[in-house]
Amino acid sequence: MTTKKDIRKQFLEQRLNLDEPTATRLNSALQANVLKLNFSGLQYIHVFLPILEKKEADTWPIIEALRTQYPQLRWVLSRSDMQTATMTHFLWEQDTPLVKNSYGITEPAAGETVTPPQIDLVFVPLLAFDHTGHRVGYGKGMYDRFLQECRPDVQTIGLSLFEPIREIPDTNAGDIALQTVVTPENIYHFSKKD
């Protein structure tokens, strides 16, 4: 049986092997598909900043485009505590100081805290996802714990440079399925299971 660990290794390798022109093309197509979604009526959007060394989906141009199109949006970034595998969330304003942590993640150094229930939508990083909206991340479970702290009606959008795999067989009760995943080729919507 293929496990999350196998999938994680395979997709990280696949992503790292993308040449620059291919990665640029995929990110441009991903951004175009994200901009097809409707963000009106939302206020707080949580986003991740990409670990460019790991060739994560590049959120910088997506954020820039959405800031122009939806000026009402308030952006939220998290700071990770790897020891406790928890995240603290901060309002991302023009003067928010950003620093890179030891994992290469750009995070806010300080700022006004935002609680998970305040957040309307979360952009979720991932390595792979399946046809039910389950995802494989880096394996610490931080986003799953964070999403459990959010309101039941919080919207979730995964960003993937690749199309879905058939199935992630070793999901468990703590794994939160995504409502939407955007890829360079498609926008997938998954029904929410109660």
N, C-alpha and C. Protein backbone atom coordinates (compact mmCIF):
# COMPACT_ATOMS: atom_id res chain seq x y z
N MET A 1 0.84 -1.19 0.00
CA MET A 1 0.00 0.00 0.00
C MET A 1 0.89 1.25 0.00
N THR A 2 0.55 2.21 -0.84
CA THR A 2 1.25 3.49 -0.85
C THR A 2 0.79 4.30 0.35
N THR A 3 1.72 4.84 1.11
CA THR A 3 1.36 5.62 2.30
C THR A 3 1.62 7.11 2.05
N LYS A 4 1.14 7.94 3.01
CA LYS A 4 1.40 9.38 2.92
C LYS A 4 2.90 9.64 2.80
N LYS A 5 3.68 8.87 3.55
CA LYS A 5 5.14 9.05 3.53
C LYS A 5 5.69 8.84 2.12
N ASP A 6 5.22 7.78 1.44
CA ASP A 6 5.65 7.50 0.05
C ASP A 6 5.22 8.62 -0.89
N ILE A 7 3.95 9.05 -0.73
CA ILE A 7 3.39 10.10 -1.59
C ILE A 7 4.17 11.41 -1.37
N ARG A 8 4.43 11.72 -0.10
CA ARG A 8 5.19 12.93 0.25
C ARG A 8 6.54 12.94 -0.46
N LYS A 9 7.25 11.83 -0.36
CA LYS A 9 8.59 11.72 -0.96
C LYS A 9 8.51 11.87 -2.49
N GLN A 10 7.55 11.18 -3.09
CA GLN A 10 7.40 11.19 -4.54
C GLN A 10 7.08 12.59 -5.07
N PHE A 11 6.12 13.28 -4.43
CA PHE A 11 5.70 14.58 -4.95
C PHE A 11 6.68 15.69 -4.63
N LEU A 12 7.38 15.58 -3.50
CA LEU A 12 8.41 16.57 -3.21
C LEU A 12 9.52 16.47 -4.25
N GLU A 13 9.90 15.24 -4.56
CA GLU A 13 10.93 15.00 -5.58
C GLU A 13 10.47 15.52 -6.95
N GLN A 14 9.21 15.23 -7.29
CA GLN A 14 8.65 15.65 -8.57
C GLN A 14 8.65 17.19 -8.67
N ARG A 15 8.30 17.84 -7.56
CA ARG A 15 8.26 19.30 -7.56
C ARG A 15 9.67 19.89 -7.67
N LEU A 16 10.61 19.32 -6.91
CA LEU A 16 11.99 19.81 -6.93
C LEU A 16 12.63 19.63 -8.30
N ASN A 17 12.16 18.65 -9.08
CA ASN A 17 12.72 18.39 -10.40
C ASN A 17 12.12 19.25 -11.51
N LEU A 18 11.16 20.11 -11.16
CA LEU A 18 10.59 21.01 -12.17
C LEU A 18 11.66 22.01 -12.60
N ASP A 19 11.83 22.18 -13.91
CA ASP A 19 12.77 23.22 -14.35
C ASP A 19 12.07 24.57 -14.22
N GLU A 20 12.84 25.64 -14.22
CA GLU A 20 12.29 26.98 -13.98
C GLU A 20 11.19 27.38 -14.97
N PRO A 21 11.38 27.16 -16.30
CA PRO A 21 10.30 27.54 -17.23
C PRO A 21 8.99 26.79 -16.94
N THR A 22 9.10 25.50 -16.60
CA THR A 22 7.89 24.71 -16.30
C THR A 22 7.24 25.21 -15.03
N ALA A 23 8.03 25.45 -13.98
CA ALA A 23 7.49 25.94 -12.71
C ALA A 23 6.81 27.29 -12.91
N THR A 24 7.42 28.17 -13.70
CA THR A 24 6.84 29.50 -13.97
C THR A 24 5.51 29.36 -14.70
N ARG A 25 5.47 28.49 -15.70
CA ARG A 25 4.24 28.27 -16.47
C ARG A 25 3.13 27.71 -15.58
N LEU A 26 3.47 26.72 -14.74
CA LEU A 26 2.47 26.12 -13.85
C LEU A 26 1.94 27.14 -12.86
N ASN A 27 2.83 27.97 -12.29
CA ASN A 27 2.39 28.98 -11.33
C ASN A 27 1.51 30.05 -11.97
N SER A 28 1.82 30.42 -13.21
CA SER A 28 0.99 31.41 -13.92
C SER A 28 -0.41 30.86 -14.17
N ALA A 29 -0.49 29.60 -14.58
CA ALA A 29 -1.79 28.96 -14.84
C ALA A 29 -2.56 28.78 -13.53
N LEU A 30 -1.84 28.46 -12.45
CA LEU A 30 -2.47 28.32 -11.13
C LEU A 30 -3.08 29.65 -10.71
N GLN A 31 -2.33 30.72 -10.85
CA GLN A 31 -2.82 32.05 -10.48
C GLN A 31 -4.08 32.40 -11.29
N ALA A 32 -4.05 32.14 -12.60
CA ALA A 32 -5.21 32.44 -13.45
C ALA A 32 -6.46 31.71 -12.96
N ASN A 33 -6.30 30.46 -12.54
CA ASN A 33 -7.45 29.69 -12.04
C ASN A 33 -7.93 30.21 -10.68
N VAL A 34 -7.01 30.59 -9.80
CA VAL A 34 -7.41 31.13 -8.49
C VAL A 34 -8.25 32.39 -8.70
N LEU A 35 -7.87 33.22 -9.68
CA LEU A 35 -8.57 34.48 -9.92
C LEU A 35 -9.96 34.27 -10.51
N LYS A 36 -10.29 33.05 -10.90
CA LYS A 36 -11.66 32.74 -11.37
C LYS A 36 -12.63 32.58 -10.20
N LEU A 37 -12.09 32.40 -8.99
CA LEU A 37 -12.94 32.21 -7.80
C LEU A 37 -13.42 33.57 -7.30
N ASN A 38 -14.50 33.54 -6.53
CA ASN A 38 -15.09 34.78 -6.02
C ASN A 38 -14.69 34.97 -4.55
N PHE A 39 -14.03 36.09 -4.26
CA PHE A 39 -13.59 36.38 -2.90
C PHE A 39 -14.35 37.55 -2.29
N SER A 40 -15.43 37.99 -2.95
CA SER A 40 -16.21 39.09 -2.37
C SER A 40 -16.98 38.55 -1.16
N GLY A 41 -17.24 39.42 -0.22
CA GLY A 41 -17.95 39.00 0.99
C GLY A 41 -17.05 38.40 2.06
N LEU A 42 -15.76 38.23 1.74
CA LEU A 42 -14.81 37.70 2.72
C LEU A 42 -14.03 38.86 3.33
N GLN A 43 -13.54 38.64 4.55
CA GLN A 43 -12.74 39.68 5.17
C GLN A 43 -11.33 39.18 5.47
N TYR A 44 -11.21 38.13 6.29
CA TYR A 44 -9.88 37.64 6.70
C TYR A 44 -9.49 36.41 5.89
N ILE A 45 -8.37 36.51 5.18
CA ILE A 45 -7.87 35.38 4.41
C ILE A 45 -6.49 35.00 4.94
N HIS A 46 -6.36 33.74 5.33
CA HIS A 46 -5.08 33.21 5.80
C HIS A 46 -4.34 32.64 4.59
N VAL A 47 -3.08 33.00 4.45
CA VAL A 47 -2.30 32.53 3.31
C VAL A 47 -0.92 32.09 3.78
N PHE A 48 -0.32 31.19 3.04
CA PHE A 48 1.07 30.80 3.31
C PHE A 48 1.97 31.48 2.29
N LEU A 49 3.17 31.80 2.70
CA LEU A 49 4.16 32.32 1.78
C LEU A 49 5.04 31.14 1.37
N PRO A 50 5.35 31.03 0.08
CA PRO A 50 6.00 29.81 -0.41
C PRO A 50 7.44 29.63 0.06
N ILE A 51 7.80 28.37 0.30
CA ILE A 51 9.21 28.02 0.50
C ILE A 51 9.74 27.79 -0.92
N LEU A 52 10.35 28.82 -1.46
CA LEU A 52 10.75 28.77 -2.87
C LEU A 52 11.79 27.68 -3.13
N GLU A 53 12.61 27.38 -2.10
CA GLU A 53 13.61 26.31 -2.25
C GLU A 53 12.94 24.95 -2.46
N LYS A 54 11.70 24.81 -1.97
CA LYS A 54 10.96 23.55 -2.15
C LYS A 54 9.98 23.64 -3.31
N LYS A 55 10.06 24.75 -4.04
CA LYS A 55 9.20 24.99 -5.22
C LYS A 55 7.72 24.84 -4.91
N GLU A 56 7.33 25.38 -3.73
CA GLU A 56 5.91 25.40 -3.39
C GLU A 56 5.17 26.32 -4.36
N ALA A 57 3.86 26.12 -4.44
CA ALA A 57 3.03 27.01 -5.25
C ALA A 57 3.33 28.45 -4.84
N ASP A 58 3.62 29.29 -5.83
CA ASP A 58 4.03 30.67 -5.55
C ASP A 58 2.81 31.54 -5.28
N THR A 59 2.61 31.87 -4.01
CA THR A 59 1.43 32.65 -3.63
C THR A 59 1.64 34.16 -3.79
N TRP A 60 2.89 34.61 -3.93
CA TRP A 60 3.13 36.07 -4.01
C TRP A 60 2.31 36.74 -5.11
N PRO A 61 2.35 36.26 -6.39
CA PRO A 61 1.56 36.94 -7.42
C PRO A 61 0.05 36.79 -7.22
N ILE A 62 -0.37 35.69 -6.59
CA ILE A 62 -1.80 35.49 -6.29
C ILE A 62 -2.26 36.55 -5.30
N ILE A 63 -1.46 36.74 -4.25
CA ILE A 63 -1.80 37.74 -3.21
C ILE A 63 -1.85 39.14 -3.83
N GLU A 64 -0.86 39.45 -4.63
CA GLU A 64 -0.78 40.77 -5.27
C GLU A 64 -2.03 41.03 -6.13
N ALA A 65 -2.42 40.04 -6.92
CA ALA A 65 -3.60 40.19 -7.79
C ALA A 65 -4.87 40.33 -6.96
N LEU A 66 -5.00 39.53 -5.91
CA LEU A 66 -6.21 39.60 -5.08
C LEU A 66 -6.27 40.90 -4.28
N ARG A 67 -5.11 41.41 -3.87
CA ARG A 67 -5.10 42.70 -3.15
C ARG A 67 -5.64 43.81 -4.04
N THR A 68 -5.31 43.75 -5.32
CA THR A 68 -5.80 44.76 -6.27
C THR A 68 -7.29 44.57 -6.54
N GLN A 69 -7.69 43.32 -6.76
CA GLN A 69 -9.08 43.02 -7.13
C GLN A 69 -10.05 43.13 -5.95
N TYR A 70 -9.58 42.78 -4.75
CA TYR A 70 -10.44 42.77 -3.56
C TYR A 70 -9.75 43.55 -2.43
N PRO A 71 -9.76 44.89 -2.51
CA PRO A 71 -9.03 45.68 -1.50
C PRO A 71 -9.58 45.54 -0.08
N GLN A 72 -10.79 45.00 0.08
CA GLN A 72 -11.36 44.83 1.42
C GLN A 72 -10.71 43.69 2.20
N LEU A 73 -10.01 42.81 1.51
CA LEU A 73 -9.45 41.64 2.19
C LEU A 73 -8.37 42.03 3.19
N ARG A 74 -8.38 41.35 4.32
CA ARG A 74 -7.33 41.51 5.32
C ARG A 74 -6.57 40.19 5.34
N TRP A 75 -5.26 40.27 5.21
CA TRP A 75 -4.43 39.08 5.05
C TRP A 75 -3.84 38.64 6.38
N VAL A 76 -3.79 37.33 6.57
CA VAL A 76 -3.29 36.75 7.82
C VAL A 76 -2.17 35.76 7.49
N LEU A 77 -1.07 35.86 8.23
CA LEU A 77 0.05 34.92 8.12
C LEU A 77 0.24 34.24 9.46
N SER A 78 0.85 33.07 9.44
CA SER A 78 1.09 32.38 10.71
C SER A 78 2.58 32.28 10.99
N ARG A 79 2.88 32.13 12.27
CA ARG A 79 4.24 31.82 12.71
C ARG A 79 4.16 30.43 13.34
N SER A 80 5.06 29.55 12.93
CA SER A 80 5.01 28.15 13.38
C SER A 80 5.94 27.91 14.54
N ASP A 81 5.45 27.12 15.49
CA ASP A 81 6.30 26.62 16.57
C ASP A 81 6.50 25.13 16.28
N MET A 82 7.66 24.78 15.77
CA MET A 82 7.91 23.39 15.36
C MET A 82 8.00 22.43 16.55
N GLN A 83 8.32 22.94 17.73
CA GLN A 83 8.40 22.08 18.91
C GLN A 83 7.02 21.57 19.32
N THR A 84 6.03 22.48 19.26
CA THR A 84 4.67 22.10 19.67
C THR A 84 3.77 21.80 18.48
N ALA A 85 4.30 22.03 17.26
CA ALA A 85 3.54 21.84 16.01
C ALA A 85 2.25 22.66 16.03
N THR A 86 2.38 23.93 16.51
CA THR A 86 1.23 24.84 16.54
C THR A 86 1.57 26.11 15.76
N MET A 87 0.54 26.88 15.46
CA MET A 87 0.70 28.11 14.69
C MET A 87 0.03 29.26 15.43
N THR A 88 0.68 30.43 15.39
CA THR A 88 0.09 31.67 15.89
C THR A 88 -0.14 32.55 14.67
N HIS A 89 -1.27 33.24 14.62
CA HIS A 89 -1.67 33.95 13.41
C HIS A 89 -1.63 35.46 13.63
N PHE A 90 -1.12 36.17 12.62
CA PHE A 90 -0.95 37.62 12.71
C PHE A 90 -1.53 38.31 11.48
N LEU A 91 -2.10 39.49 11.72
CA LEU A 91 -2.56 40.32 10.62
C LEU A 91 -1.33 40.78 9.84
N TRP A 92 -1.38 40.62 8.52
CA TRP A 92 -0.25 40.99 7.67
C TRP A 92 -0.52 42.36 7.09
N GLU A 93 0.13 43.36 7.68
CA GLU A 93 -0.04 44.73 7.23
C GLU A 93 1.24 45.19 6.53
N GLN A 94 1.20 46.38 5.95
CA GLN A 94 2.36 46.88 5.19
C GLN A 94 3.63 46.91 6.01
N ASP A 95 3.49 47.24 7.30
CA ASP A 95 4.69 47.38 8.14
C ASP A 95 5.00 46.13 8.97
N THR A 96 4.32 45.02 8.69
CA THR A 96 4.59 43.78 9.43
C THR A 96 5.98 43.26 9.07
N PRO A 97 6.87 43.11 10.07
CA PRO A 97 8.21 42.60 9.76
C PRO A 97 8.15 41.10 9.45
N LEU A 98 8.75 40.70 8.32
CA LEU A 98 8.77 39.29 7.92
C LEU A 98 10.19 38.75 8.09
N VAL A 99 10.29 37.53 8.61
CA VAL A 99 11.59 36.87 8.79
C VAL A 99 11.48 35.43 8.31
N LYS A 100 12.62 34.85 7.92
CA LYS A 100 12.64 33.44 7.51
C LYS A 100 13.01 32.60 8.72
N ASN A 101 12.23 31.54 8.99
CA ASN A 101 12.59 30.66 10.10
C ASN A 101 13.61 29.62 9.62
N SER A 102 14.02 28.72 10.50
CA SER A 102 15.07 27.75 10.17
C SER A 102 14.63 26.74 9.11
N TYR A 103 13.31 26.69 8.81
CA TYR A 103 12.80 25.78 7.78
C TYR A 103 12.62 26.49 6.44
N GLY A 104 13.02 27.76 6.38
CA GLY A 104 12.90 28.51 5.13
C GLY A 104 11.53 29.11 4.92
N ILE A 105 10.69 29.12 5.97
CA ILE A 105 9.34 29.67 5.87
C ILE A 105 9.38 31.15 6.25
N THR A 106 8.86 32.01 5.38
CA THR A 106 8.78 33.44 5.68
C THR A 106 7.56 33.66 6.57
N GLU A 107 7.82 34.28 7.75
CA GLU A 107 6.77 34.44 8.76
C GLU A 107 6.79 35.85 9.33
N PRO A 108 5.68 36.27 9.95
CA PRO A 108 5.69 37.56 10.64
C PRO A 108 6.50 37.46 11.94
N ALA A 109 7.33 38.47 12.20
CA ALA A 109 8.11 38.48 13.44
C ALA A 109 7.25 38.92 14.61
N ALA A 110 6.24 39.74 14.31
CA ALA A 110 5.34 40.27 15.35
C ALA A 110 4.12 40.85 14.65
N GLY A 111 3.21 41.39 15.45
CA GLY A 111 2.03 42.02 14.86
C GLY A 111 0.79 41.79 15.68
N GLU A 112 -0.34 42.21 15.12
CA GLU A 112 -1.63 42.05 15.77
C GLU A 112 -2.10 40.62 15.57
N THR A 113 -2.40 39.91 16.65
CA THR A 113 -2.81 38.51 16.52
C THR A 113 -4.25 38.41 16.02
N VAL A 114 -4.49 37.32 15.30
CA VAL A 114 -5.82 37.01 14.77
C VAL A 114 -6.16 35.61 15.26
N THR A 115 -7.38 35.41 15.73
CA THR A 115 -7.76 34.08 16.22
C THR A 115 -8.34 33.26 15.06
N PRO A 116 -8.17 31.94 15.07
CA PRO A 116 -8.72 31.11 13.99
C PRO A 116 -10.20 31.36 13.69
N PRO A 117 -11.08 31.57 14.70
CA PRO A 117 -12.49 31.81 14.37
C PRO A 117 -12.75 33.10 13.57
N GLN A 118 -11.79 34.03 13.56
CA GLN A 118 -11.96 35.27 12.79
C GLN A 118 -11.76 35.03 11.29
N ILE A 119 -11.09 33.94 10.93
CA ILE A 119 -10.65 33.72 9.55
C ILE A 119 -11.79 33.16 8.70
N ASP A 120 -11.97 33.76 7.52
CA ASP A 120 -13.04 33.34 6.60
C ASP A 120 -12.58 32.30 5.59
N LEU A 121 -11.31 32.37 5.20
CA LEU A 121 -10.81 31.46 4.17
C LEU A 121 -9.34 31.17 4.44
N VAL A 122 -8.94 29.92 4.20
CA VAL A 122 -7.55 29.52 4.38
C VAL A 122 -7.02 28.92 3.08
N PHE A 123 -5.93 29.50 2.57
CA PHE A 123 -5.19 28.87 1.48
C PHE A 123 -4.26 27.85 2.13
N VAL A 124 -4.33 26.61 1.68
CA VAL A 124 -3.61 25.52 2.33
C VAL A 124 -2.50 24.97 1.41
N PRO A 125 -1.27 24.90 1.93
CA PRO A 125 -0.20 24.30 1.13
C PRO A 125 -0.34 22.78 1.12
N LEU A 126 0.18 22.15 0.07
CA LEU A 126 0.12 20.69 0.02
C LEU A 126 1.15 20.16 -0.96
N LEU A 127 1.44 18.89 -0.83
CA LEU A 127 2.32 18.21 -1.78
C LEU A 127 1.49 17.41 -2.78
N ALA A 128 0.39 16.81 -2.31
CA ALA A 128 -0.48 16.02 -3.17
C ALA A 128 -1.88 16.02 -2.57
N PHE A 129 -2.88 15.69 -3.40
CA PHE A 129 -4.25 15.58 -2.90
C PHE A 129 -4.96 14.50 -3.71
N ASP A 130 -6.09 14.02 -3.16
CA ASP A 130 -6.82 12.97 -3.87
C ASP A 130 -8.22 13.44 -4.27
N HIS A 131 -9.01 12.53 -4.83
CA HIS A 131 -10.33 12.88 -5.37
C HIS A 131 -11.40 13.10 -4.30
N THR A 132 -11.02 13.01 -3.02
CA THR A 132 -11.98 13.32 -1.96
C THR A 132 -11.60 14.62 -1.25
N GLY A 133 -10.51 15.27 -1.71
CA GLY A 133 -10.08 16.51 -1.08
C GLY A 133 -9.09 16.33 0.05
N HIS A 134 -8.69 15.10 0.33
CA HIS A 134 -7.66 14.89 1.35
C HIS A 134 -6.30 15.27 0.76
N ARG A 135 -5.40 15.72 1.63
CA ARG A 135 -4.11 16.20 1.18
C ARG A 135 -2.97 15.53 1.91
N VAL A 136 -1.80 15.60 1.30
CA VAL A 136 -0.56 15.21 1.97
C VAL A 136 0.27 16.48 2.07
N GLY A 137 0.62 16.84 3.31
CA GLY A 137 1.49 17.98 3.55
C GLY A 137 2.87 17.47 3.95
N TYR A 138 3.52 18.24 4.81
CA TYR A 138 4.87 17.84 5.24
C TYR A 138 4.86 16.88 6.42
N GLY A 139 3.68 16.57 6.95
CA GLY A 139 3.60 15.49 7.93
C GLY A 139 3.53 15.88 9.40
N LYS A 140 3.47 17.18 9.69
CA LYS A 140 3.42 17.59 11.11
C LYS A 140 1.98 17.77 11.61
N GLY A 141 1.01 17.82 10.68
CA GLY A 141 -0.40 17.96 11.08
C GLY A 141 -0.79 19.35 11.54
N MET A 142 0.08 20.34 11.28
CA MET A 142 -0.19 21.69 11.79
C MET A 142 -1.44 22.33 11.18
N TYR A 143 -1.60 22.17 9.87
CA TYR A 143 -2.78 22.77 9.23
C TYR A 143 -4.05 22.06 9.66
N ASP A 144 -4.01 20.75 9.84
CA ASP A 144 -5.22 20.03 10.29
C ASP A 144 -5.65 20.53 11.67
N ARG A 145 -4.68 20.72 12.57
CA ARG A 145 -5.01 21.23 13.91
C ARG A 145 -5.54 22.66 13.82
N PHE A 146 -4.91 23.47 12.99
CA PHE A 146 -5.34 24.86 12.80
C PHE A 146 -6.78 24.91 12.26
N LEU A 147 -7.08 24.11 11.24
CA LEU A 147 -8.42 24.12 10.64
C LEU A 147 -9.48 23.66 11.62
N GLN A 148 -9.12 22.77 12.55
CA GLN A 148 -10.09 22.34 13.57
C GLN A 148 -10.44 23.49 14.52
N GLU A 149 -9.55 24.48 14.62
CA GLU A 149 -9.79 25.64 15.50
C GLU A 149 -10.63 26.72 14.80
N CYS A 150 -10.77 26.61 13.49
CA CYS A 150 -11.53 27.60 12.72
C CYS A 150 -13.03 27.35 12.83
N ARG A 151 -13.82 28.30 12.37
CA ARG A 151 -15.27 28.13 12.36
C ARG A 151 -15.65 26.98 11.43
N PRO A 152 -16.80 26.33 11.68
CA PRO A 152 -17.22 25.23 10.79
C PRO A 152 -17.44 25.69 9.35
N ASP A 153 -17.77 26.99 9.15
CA ASP A 153 -18.03 27.47 7.79
C ASP A 153 -16.80 28.09 7.11
N VAL A 154 -15.61 27.91 7.71
CA VAL A 154 -14.40 28.46 7.08
C VAL A 154 -14.21 27.80 5.71
N GLN A 155 -13.80 28.59 4.73
CA GLN A 155 -13.54 28.03 3.40
C GLN A 155 -12.08 27.61 3.31
N THR A 156 -11.83 26.51 2.60
CA THR A 156 -10.45 26.04 2.44
C THR A 156 -10.15 25.85 0.96
N ILE A 157 -8.99 26.37 0.55
CA ILE A 157 -8.54 26.23 -0.84
C ILE A 157 -7.10 25.71 -0.83
N GLY A 158 -6.91 24.51 -1.35
CA GLY A 158 -5.57 23.97 -1.51
C GLY A 158 -4.99 24.44 -2.83
N LEU A 159 -3.68 24.65 -2.86
CA LEU A 159 -3.00 25.05 -4.09
C LEU A 159 -2.01 23.97 -4.47
N SER A 160 -2.18 23.39 -5.66
CA SER A 160 -1.33 22.29 -6.09
C SER A 160 -0.83 22.53 -7.51
N LEU A 161 0.44 22.23 -7.73
CA LEU A 161 0.99 22.33 -9.09
C LEU A 161 0.68 21.08 -9.90
N PHE A 162 0.15 20.04 -9.23
CA PHE A 162 -0.12 18.76 -9.91
C PHE A 162 -1.59 18.38 -9.76
N GLU A 163 -2.02 17.50 -10.64
CA GLU A 163 -3.39 16.98 -10.61
C GLU A 163 -3.54 15.94 -9.47
N PRO A 164 -4.78 15.58 -9.11
CA PRO A 164 -4.97 14.68 -7.97
C PRO A 164 -4.49 13.26 -8.24
N ILE A 165 -4.15 12.58 -7.15
CA ILE A 165 -3.89 11.15 -7.23
C ILE A 165 -5.21 10.44 -6.91
N ARG A 166 -5.28 9.16 -7.19
CA ARG A 166 -6.55 8.44 -7.01
C ARG A 166 -7.01 8.44 -5.56
N GLU A 167 -6.09 8.11 -4.66
CA GLU A 167 -6.50 7.96 -3.26
C GLU A 167 -5.29 8.08 -2.33
N ILE A 168 -5.53 8.70 -1.17
CA ILE A 168 -4.55 8.67 -0.07
C ILE A 168 -5.11 7.64 0.90
N PRO A 169 -4.55 6.42 0.92
CA PRO A 169 -5.20 5.34 1.67
C PRO A 169 -5.11 5.46 3.19
N ASP A 170 -4.09 6.13 3.71
CA ASP A 170 -3.93 6.12 5.17
C ASP A 170 -4.35 7.44 5.82
N THR A 171 -5.52 7.98 5.39
CA THR A 171 -6.05 9.17 6.07
C THR A 171 -6.63 8.72 7.41
N ASN A 172 -6.72 9.67 8.35
CA ASN A 172 -7.31 9.32 9.65
C ASN A 172 -8.32 10.39 10.06
N ALA A 173 -8.95 10.20 11.20
CA ALA A 173 -10.04 11.09 11.65
C ALA A 173 -9.58 12.52 11.83
N GLY A 174 -8.30 12.75 12.10
CA GLY A 174 -7.79 14.10 12.30
C GLY A 174 -7.49 14.85 11.01
N ASP A 175 -7.55 14.15 9.87
CA ASP A 175 -7.24 14.78 8.59
C ASP A 175 -8.47 15.53 8.08
N ILE A 176 -8.30 16.81 7.83
CA ILE A 176 -9.41 17.64 7.35
C ILE A 176 -9.36 17.71 5.83
N ALA A 177 -10.43 17.26 5.18
CA ALA A 177 -10.50 17.34 3.71
C ALA A 177 -10.74 18.79 3.29
N LEU A 178 -10.16 19.16 2.16
CA LEU A 178 -10.32 20.51 1.64
C LEU A 178 -11.63 20.63 0.87
N GLN A 179 -12.18 21.84 0.81
CA GLN A 179 -13.41 22.07 0.04
C GLN A 179 -13.10 22.30 -1.43
N THR A 180 -11.96 22.95 -1.68
CA THR A 180 -11.56 23.31 -3.04
C THR A 180 -10.07 23.09 -3.20
N VAL A 181 -9.66 22.61 -4.35
CA VAL A 181 -8.23 22.60 -4.69
C VAL A 181 -8.09 23.17 -6.09
N VAL A 182 -7.17 24.11 -6.22
CA VAL A 182 -6.90 24.73 -7.51
C VAL A 182 -5.57 24.20 -8.03
N THR A 183 -5.57 23.78 -9.29
CA THR A 183 -4.34 23.34 -9.95
C THR A 183 -4.16 24.22 -11.20
N PRO A 184 -3.04 24.11 -11.89
CA PRO A 184 -2.89 24.89 -13.13
C PRO A 184 -3.93 24.53 -14.19
N GLU A 185 -4.48 23.31 -14.13
CA GLU A 185 -5.41 22.86 -15.16
C GLU A 185 -6.87 22.92 -14.75
N ASN A 186 -7.16 22.79 -13.46
CA ASN A 186 -8.55 22.63 -13.02
C ASN A 186 -8.82 23.30 -11.68
N ILE A 187 -10.12 23.43 -11.38
CA ILE A 187 -10.58 23.82 -10.04
C ILE A 187 -11.48 22.69 -9.57
N TYR A 188 -11.10 22.04 -8.47
CA TYR A 188 -11.86 20.91 -7.93
C TYR A 188 -12.65 21.38 -6.71
N HIS A 189 -13.94 21.02 -6.68
CA HIS A 189 -14.77 21.30 -5.50
C HIS A 189 -15.19 19.96 -4.92
N PHE A 190 -15.05 19.84 -3.61
CA PHE A 190 -15.39 18.58 -2.92
C PHE A 190 -16.54 18.84 -1.97
N SER A 191 -17.43 17.87 -1.86
CA SER A 191 -18.57 18.05 -0.95
C SER A 191 -18.07 17.85 0.48
N LYS A 192 -18.62 18.68 1.37
CA LYS A 192 -18.22 18.63 2.77
C LYS A 192 -18.96 17.49 3.46
N LYS A 193 -18.18 16.66 4.17
CA LYS A 193 -18.81 15.53 4.88
C LYS A 193 -19.00 15.90 6.34
N ASP A 194 -20.21 15.70 6.84
CA ASP A 194 -20.47 16.00 8.27
C ASP A 194 -20.22 14.80 9.13
